[in-house]
Amino acid sequence: MAPVLVGQRVDRFSVGPNLPDLTADILKNCSEFETLRQVKRTVAPKRATIMKWITREKVKVDRVACPWLIKKFLDKHAEFFFVPADKVVAEAQRLGAAPFDIKGVELGHHGKECSFEAILKKYNLSSDPALVLLSKIVNGADTDNTLWNQPEGAGLEAVAEGFRHLGFKDDHELNSAEWIVYDSLYAYCQEMVRQGKPDGMFK
């Protein structure tokens, strides 16, 4: 049987009956490859478990600051549920969601500390001095501000109250719109730390 040269056209009808049916082999291999490609396409990669969180509806300070903190530092895919206060516990159990900023839960107010501070401690985020300063500002806006006496707190409370009157259709929409405020405050806190003012500009 004559050798087949590289680049030479192979004609299955002219090279003899003992030559393997190259056309059939090629088609078979192509078919197997396409099958594998289709399988790979249909098998979705396994995704990490998404964190679910639940709190009271009609958010203002802590219930905007906490979702921002969670999304930015814990789980960017986290899901949030905002329900009437008397339904939070039951819905948390039904949904398998972690309750926050309600009375009697781990991630709520403890003494004069707010829920933002509870999450900071629970998830070991207190090593970031900018987040610590931000937590004091959030505390000042969400409580009577007697724990830290943080001057920026009053301004944040005013901004948060204003957002409640901008006509957002629900708490999800309000959160998404207001998170830029916390991005800005976090940048401010980072700059204060950089300047050696870990308690902020006004102390």
C-alpha atoms as a PDB file:
ATOM      1  CA  MET A   1       0.000   0.000   0.000  1.00  0.00           C
ATOM      2  CA  ALA A   2       1.431   3.356  -1.020  1.00  0.00           C
ATOM      3  CA  PRO A   3       2.241   5.743   1.822  1.00  0.00           C
ATOM      4  CA  VAL A   4      -0.016   8.710   2.320  1.00  0.00           C
ATOM      5  CA  LEU A   5       1.965  11.938   2.208  1.00  0.00           C
ATOM      6  CA  VAL A   6       1.285  14.923   4.432  1.00  0.00           C
ATOM      7  CA  GLY A   7      -0.925  17.355   2.548  1.00  0.00           C
ATOM      8  CA  GLN A   8      -1.959  14.676   0.038  1.00  0.00           C
ATOM      9  CA  ARG A   9      -5.695  14.327  -0.647  1.00  0.00           C
ATOM     10  CA  VAL A  10      -6.953  10.986   0.630  1.00  0.00           C
ATOM     11  CA  ASP A  11      -9.570   9.396  -1.581  1.00  0.00           C
ATOM     12  CA  ARG A  12     -11.186   6.401   0.129  1.00  0.00           C
ATOM     13  CA  PHE A  13     -12.105   4.934  -3.244  1.00  0.00           C
ATOM     14  CA  SER A  14      -8.623   5.126  -4.763  1.00  0.00           C
ATOM     15  CA  VAL A  15      -6.213   3.969  -2.062  1.00  0.00           C
ATOM     16  CA  GLY A  16      -7.412   0.456  -1.648  1.00  0.00           C
ATOM     17  CA  PRO A  17      -9.835  -1.547   0.448  1.00  0.00           C
ATOM     18  CA  ASN A  18      -7.441  -2.054   3.400  1.00  0.00           C
ATOM     19  CA  LEU A  19      -7.176   1.672   4.292  1.00  0.00           C
ATOM     20  CA  PRO A  20      -9.347   2.500   7.362  1.00  0.00           C
ATOM     21  CA  ASP A  21     -12.393   4.560   6.641  1.00  0.00           C
ATOM     22  CA  LEU A  22     -10.922   7.896   7.677  1.00  0.00           C
ATOM     23  CA  THR A  23     -14.097   9.783   6.916  1.00  0.00           C
ATOM     24  CA  ALA A  24     -16.118   7.613   9.298  1.00  0.00           C
ATOM     25  CA  ASP A  25     -13.480   7.926  12.032  1.00  0.00           C
ATOM     26  CA  ILE A  26     -13.388  11.701  11.703  1.00  0.00           C
ATOM     27  CA  LEU A  27     -17.172  11.966  11.844  1.00  0.00           C
ATOM     28  CA  LYS A  28     -17.270   9.650  14.874  1.00  0.00           C
ATOM     29  CA  ASN A  29     -14.661  11.714  16.703  1.00  0.00           C
ATOM     30  CA  CYS A  30     -16.481  14.941  15.870  1.00  0.00           C
ATOM     31  CA  SER A  31     -19.723  13.465  17.146  1.00  0.00           C
ATOM     32  CA  GLU A  32     -18.112  12.390  20.431  1.00  0.00           C
ATOM     33  CA  PHE A  33     -16.521  15.802  20.859  1.00  0.00           C
ATOM     34  CA  GLU A  34     -19.858  17.547  20.292  1.00  0.00           C
ATOM     35  CA  THR A  35     -21.513  15.262  22.845  1.00  0.00           C
ATOM     36  CA  LEU A  36     -18.879  16.142  25.453  1.00  0.00           C
ATOM     37  CA  ARG A  37     -19.252  19.822  24.626  1.00  0.00           C
ATOM     38  CA  GLN A  38     -23.004  19.654  25.122  1.00  0.00           C
ATOM     39  CA  VAL A  39     -22.603  17.852  28.462  1.00  0.00           C
ATOM     40  CA  LYS A  40     -20.125  20.454  29.674  1.00  0.00           C
ATOM     41  CA  ARG A  41     -22.506  23.200  28.614  1.00  0.00           C
ATOM     42  CA  THR A  42     -25.448  21.736  30.530  1.00  0.00           C
ATOM     43  CA  VAL A  43     -23.604  20.960  33.782  1.00  0.00           C
ATOM     44  CA  ALA A  44     -23.603  24.250  35.692  1.00  0.00           C
ATOM     45  CA  PRO A  45     -20.721  24.861  38.100  1.00  0.00           C
ATOM     46  CA  LYS A  46     -21.657  24.361  41.725  1.00  0.00           C
ATOM     47  CA  ARG A  47     -22.181  27.687  43.429  1.00  0.00           C
ATOM     48  CA  ALA A  48     -21.378  28.458  47.048  1.00  0.00           C
ATOM     49  CA  THR A  49     -24.327  28.726  49.408  1.00  0.00           C
ATOM     50  CA  ILE A  50     -25.863  32.195  49.305  1.00  0.00           C
ATOM     51  CA  MET A  51     -26.326  33.889  52.658  1.00  0.00           C
ATOM     52  CA  LYS A  52     -29.908  34.874  53.481  1.00  0.00           C
ATOM     53  CA  TRP A  53     -30.751  37.664  55.897  1.00  0.00           C
ATOM     54  CA  ILE A  54     -34.024  38.981  57.259  1.00  0.00           C
ATOM     55  CA  THR A  55     -35.078  42.037  59.245  1.00  0.00           C
ATOM     56  CA  ARG A  56     -37.913  44.474  59.826  1.00  0.00           C
ATOM     57  CA  GLU A  57     -39.398  46.430  56.957  1.00  0.00           C
ATOM     58  CA  LYS A  58     -39.392  50.248  56.589  1.00  0.00           C
ATOM     59  CA  VAL A  59     -35.627  50.564  56.954  1.00  0.00           C
ATOM     60  CA  LYS A  60     -33.747  53.659  58.054  1.00  0.00           C
ATOM     61  CA  VAL A  61     -30.149  53.477  59.386  1.00  0.00           C
ATOM     62  CA  ASP A  62     -29.006  50.097  60.755  1.00  0.00           C
ATOM     63  CA  ARG A  63     -31.147  48.159  58.265  1.00  0.00           C
ATOM     64  CA  VAL A  64     -29.402  49.916  55.384  1.00  0.00           C
ATOM     65  CA  ALA A  65     -25.916  49.998  56.878  1.00  0.00           C
ATOM     66  CA  CYS A  66     -25.948  46.273  57.745  1.00  0.00           C
ATOM     67  CA  PRO A  67     -26.934  45.042  54.255  1.00  0.00           C
ATOM     68  CA  TRP A  68     -24.234  47.330  52.804  1.00  0.00           C
ATOM     69  CA  LEU A  69     -21.667  45.806  55.172  1.00  0.00           C
ATOM     70  CA  ILE A  70     -22.767  42.254  54.388  1.00  0.00           C
ATOM     71  CA  LYS A  71     -22.766  42.773  50.621  1.00  0.00           C
ATOM     72  CA  LYS A  72     -19.409  44.529  50.590  1.00  0.00           C
ATOM     73  CA  PHE A  73     -17.435  42.381  53.031  1.00  0.00           C
ATOM     74  CA  LEU A  74     -19.215  39.037  53.552  1.00  0.00           C
ATOM     75  CA  ASP A  75     -21.201  37.906  50.507  1.00  0.00           C
ATOM     76  CA  LYS A  76     -21.826  39.980  47.399  1.00  0.00           C
ATOM     77  CA  HIS A  77     -24.652  37.604  46.434  1.00  0.00           C
ATOM     78  CA  ALA A  78     -26.453  37.820  49.791  1.00  0.00           C
ATOM     79  CA  GLU A  79     -30.255  37.935  49.734  1.00  0.00           C
ATOM     80  CA  PHE A  80     -32.297  40.171  52.019  1.00  0.00           C
ATOM     81  CA  PHE A  81     -35.890  39.971  53.189  1.00  0.00           C
ATOM     82  CA  PHE A  82     -37.774  42.859  54.790  1.00  0.00           C
ATOM     83  CA  VAL A  83     -40.982  41.875  56.561  1.00  0.00           C
ATOM     84  CA  PRO A  84     -43.296  43.187  59.303  1.00  0.00           C
ATOM     85  CA  ALA A  85     -41.608  43.079  62.711  1.00  0.00           C
ATOM     86  CA  ASP A  86     -43.967  40.448  64.096  1.00  0.00           C
ATOM     87  CA  LYS A  87     -43.209  38.063  61.227  1.00  0.00           C
ATOM     88  CA  VAL A  88     -39.401  38.186  61.250  1.00  0.00           C
ATOM     89  CA  VAL A  89     -38.817  35.146  63.492  1.00  0.00           C
ATOM     90  CA  ALA A  90     -41.303  32.887  61.694  1.00  0.00           C
ATOM     91  CA  GLU A  91     -40.096  33.921  58.250  1.00  0.00           C
ATOM     92  CA  ALA A  92     -36.470  33.491  59.307  1.00  0.00           C
ATOM     93  CA  GLN A  93     -37.193  29.873  60.200  1.00  0.00           C
ATOM     94  CA  ARG A  94     -39.151  29.260  56.999  1.00  0.00           C
ATOM     95  CA  LEU A  95     -36.512  30.802  54.737  1.00  0.00           C
ATOM     96  CA  GLY A  96     -33.441  29.651  56.636  1.00  0.00           C
ATOM     97  CA  ALA A  97     -32.376  33.278  56.940  1.00  0.00           C
ATOM     98  CA  ALA A  98     -30.309  34.990  59.643  1.00  0.00           C
ATOM     99  CA  PRO A  99     -32.337  37.635  61.508  1.00  0.00           C
ATOM    100  CA  PHE A 100     -30.679  40.968  62.274  1.00  0.00           C
ATOM    101  CA  ASP A 101     -31.609  44.279  63.881  1.00  0.00           C
ATOM    102  CA  ILE A 102     -34.540  42.891  65.819  1.00  0.00           C
ATOM    103  CA  LYS A 103     -34.905  42.491  69.564  1.00  0.00           C
ATOM    104  CA  GLY A 104     -33.403  39.396  71.168  1.00  0.00           C
ATOM    105  CA  VAL A 105     -31.142  38.162  68.345  1.00  0.00           C
ATOM    106  CA  GLU A 106     -27.358  37.841  68.224  1.00  0.00           C
ATOM    107  CA  LEU A 107     -27.020  40.371  65.411  1.00  0.00           C
ATOM    108  CA  GLY A 108     -29.109  43.045  67.070  1.00  0.00           C
ATOM    109  CA  HIS A 109     -28.622  45.819  69.622  1.00  0.00           C
ATOM    110  CA  HIS A 110     -26.696  44.924  72.784  1.00  0.00           C
ATOM    111  CA  GLY A 111     -26.574  47.590  75.441  1.00  0.00           C
ATOM    112  CA  LYS A 112     -25.794  50.806  73.591  1.00  0.00           C
ATOM    113  CA  GLU A 113     -24.180  49.028  70.643  1.00  0.00           C
ATOM    114  CA  CYS A 114     -26.109  48.737  67.380  1.00  0.00           C
ATOM    115  CA  SER A 115     -26.578  45.832  64.967  1.00  0.00           C
ATOM    116  CA  PHE A 116     -23.813  47.075  62.640  1.00  0.00           C
ATOM    117  CA  GLU A 117     -21.359  46.695  65.513  1.00  0.00           C
ATOM    118  CA  ALA A 118     -22.685  43.211  66.312  1.00  0.00           C
ATOM    119  CA  ILE A 119     -22.017  42.054  62.731  1.00  0.00           C
ATOM    120  CA  LEU A 120     -18.581  43.666  62.805  1.00  0.00           C
ATOM    121  CA  LYS A 121     -17.674  41.613  65.897  1.00  0.00           C
ATOM    122  CA  LYS A 122     -19.341  38.375  64.793  1.00  0.00           C
ATOM    123  CA  TYR A 123     -17.457  38.241  61.491  1.00  0.00           C
ATOM    124  CA  ASN A 124     -14.108  39.603  62.748  1.00  0.00           C
ATOM    125  CA  LEU A 125     -14.209  42.820  60.744  1.00  0.00           C
ATOM    126  CA  SER A 126     -13.079  45.023  63.640  1.00  0.00           C
ATOM    127  CA  SER A 127      -9.462  44.816  62.501  1.00  0.00           C
ATOM    128  CA  ASP A 128     -10.293  47.468  59.878  1.00  0.00           C
ATOM    129  CA  PRO A 129     -10.050  50.827  61.713  1.00  0.00           C
ATOM    130  CA  ALA A 130     -12.078  52.545  58.991  1.00  0.00           C
ATOM    131  CA  LEU A 131     -14.962  50.137  59.595  1.00  0.00           C
ATOM    132  CA  VAL A 132     -14.675  50.743  63.339  1.00  0.00           C
ATOM    133  CA  LEU A 133     -15.015  54.486  62.790  1.00  0.00           C
ATOM    134  CA  LEU A 134     -17.933  53.899  60.413  1.00  0.00           C
ATOM    135  CA  SER A 135     -19.619  51.721  63.041  1.00  0.00           C
ATOM    136  CA  LYS A 136     -19.440  54.608  65.513  1.00  0.00           C
ATOM    137  CA  ILE A 137     -21.066  56.926  62.974  1.00  0.00           C
ATOM    138  CA  VAL A 138     -23.822  54.373  62.323  1.00  0.00           C
ATOM    139  CA  ASN A 139     -24.295  53.970  66.073  1.00  0.00           C
ATOM    140  CA  GLY A 140     -24.594  57.725  66.465  1.00  0.00           C
ATOM    141  CA  ALA A 141     -27.292  57.871  63.788  1.00  0.00           C
ATOM    142  CA  ASP A 142     -29.219  54.815  65.000  1.00  0.00           C
ATOM    143  CA  THR A 143     -29.149  55.376  68.778  1.00  0.00           C
ATOM    144  CA  ASP A 144     -29.143  58.328  71.192  1.00  0.00           C
ATOM    145  CA  ASN A 145     -25.405  58.721  70.420  1.00  0.00           C
ATOM    146  CA  THR A 146     -24.372  58.619  74.074  1.00  0.00           C
ATOM    147  CA  LEU A 147     -21.973  55.682  73.597  1.00  0.00           C
ATOM    148  CA  TRP A 148     -19.477  57.324  71.230  1.00  0.00           C
ATOM    149  CA  ASN A 149     -20.788  60.888  70.902  1.00  0.00           C
ATOM    150  CA  GLN A 150     -19.872  60.740  67.221  1.00  0.00           C
ATOM    151  CA  PRO A 151     -20.494  64.132  65.562  1.00  0.00           C
ATOM    152  CA  GLU A 152     -21.113  62.665  62.088  1.00  0.00           C
ATOM    153  CA  GLY A 153     -23.999  60.583  63.427  1.00  0.00           C
ATOM    154  CA  ALA A 154     -26.552  63.380  63.263  1.00  0.00           C
ATOM    155  CA  GLY A 155     -25.763  64.044  59.619  1.00  0.00           C
ATOM    156  CA  LEU A 156     -26.193  60.384  58.684  1.00  0.00           C
ATOM    157  CA  GLU A 157     -29.510  60.253  60.534  1.00  0.00           C
ATOM    158  CA  ALA A 158     -30.744  63.264  58.559  1.00  0.00           C
ATOM    159  CA  VAL A 159     -29.674  61.729  55.250  1.00  0.00           C
ATOM    160  CA  ALA A 160     -31.307  58.404  56.141  1.00  0.00           C
ATOM    161  CA  GLU A 161     -34.562  60.138  57.020  1.00  0.00           C
ATOM    162  CA  GLY A 162     -34.466  61.982  53.715  1.00  0.00           C
ATOM    163  CA  PHE A 163     -34.122  58.747  51.759  1.00  0.00           C
ATOM    164  CA  ARG A 164     -37.347  57.498  53.320  1.00  0.00           C
ATOM    165  CA  HIS A 165     -39.209  60.332  51.594  1.00  0.00           C
ATOM    166  CA  LEU A 166     -37.833  59.955  48.063  1.00  0.00           C
ATOM    167  CA  GLY A 167     -40.611  57.642  46.917  1.00  0.00           C
ATOM    168  CA  PHE A 168     -38.763  54.343  46.556  1.00  0.00           C
ATOM    169  CA  LYS A 169     -41.188  51.483  45.931  1.00  0.00           C
ATOM    170  CA  ASP A 170     -39.758  49.166  48.601  1.00  0.00           C
ATOM    171  CA  ASP A 171     -36.883  48.551  51.015  1.00  0.00           C
ATOM    172  CA  HIS A 172     -34.806  46.782  48.364  1.00  0.00           C
ATOM    173  CA  GLU A 173     -34.890  49.800  46.092  1.00  0.00           C
ATOM    174  CA  LEU A 174     -34.126  52.186  48.933  1.00  0.00           C
ATOM    175  CA  ASN A 175     -31.152  50.090  50.046  1.00  0.00           C
ATOM    176  CA  SER A 176     -29.685  49.946  46.554  1.00  0.00           C
ATOM    177  CA  ALA A 177     -29.980  53.712  46.184  1.00  0.00           C
ATOM    178  CA  GLU A 178     -28.601  54.597  49.612  1.00  0.00           C
ATOM    179  CA  TRP A 179     -25.561  52.328  49.636  1.00  0.00           C
ATOM    180  CA  ILE A 180     -23.575  55.029  47.826  1.00  0.00           C
ATOM    181  CA  VAL A 181     -23.821  57.033  51.072  1.00  0.00           C
ATOM    182  CA  TYR A 182     -22.021  54.240  52.920  1.00  0.00           C
ATOM    183  CA  ASP A 183     -19.451  53.889  50.148  1.00  0.00           C
ATOM    184  CA  SER A 184     -18.754  57.602  50.623  1.00  0.00           C
ATOM    185  CA  LEU A 185     -18.647  57.391  54.404  1.00  0.00           C
ATOM    186  CA  TYR A 186     -16.306  54.400  54.264  1.00  0.00           C
ATOM    187  CA  ALA A 187     -13.973  56.339  51.959  1.00  0.00           C
ATOM    188  CA  TYR A 188     -14.122  59.253  54.427  1.00  0.00           C
ATOM    189  CA  CYS A 189     -13.258  56.893  57.299  1.00  0.00           C
ATOM    190  CA  GLN A 190     -10.344  55.420  55.379  1.00  0.00           C
ATOM    191  CA  GLU A 191      -8.994  58.920  54.749  1.00  0.00           C
ATOM    192  CA  MET A 192      -9.373  59.875  58.421  1.00  0.00           C
ATOM    193  CA  VAL A 193      -7.394  56.779  59.419  1.00  0.00           C
ATOM    194  CA  ARG A 194      -4.746  57.618  56.836  1.00  0.00           C
ATOM    195  CA  GLN A 195      -4.455  61.122  58.322  1.00  0.00           C
ATOM    196  CA  GLY A 196      -4.075  59.725  61.827  1.00  0.00           C
ATOM    197  CA  LYS A 197      -7.584  60.723  62.932  1.00  0.00           C
ATOM    198  CA  PRO A 198      -9.241  57.378  63.807  1.00  0.00           C
ATOM    199  CA  ASP A 199     -12.075  59.168  65.638  1.00  0.00           C
ATOM    200  CA  GLY A 200     -12.986  61.324  62.641  1.00  0.00           C
ATOM    201  CA  MET A 201     -12.521  64.899  61.502  1.00  0.00           C
ATOM    202  CA  PHE A 202     -14.520  66.570  64.246  1.00  0.00           C
ATOM    203  CA  LYS A 203     -12.927  65.116  67.386  1.00  0.00           C
END
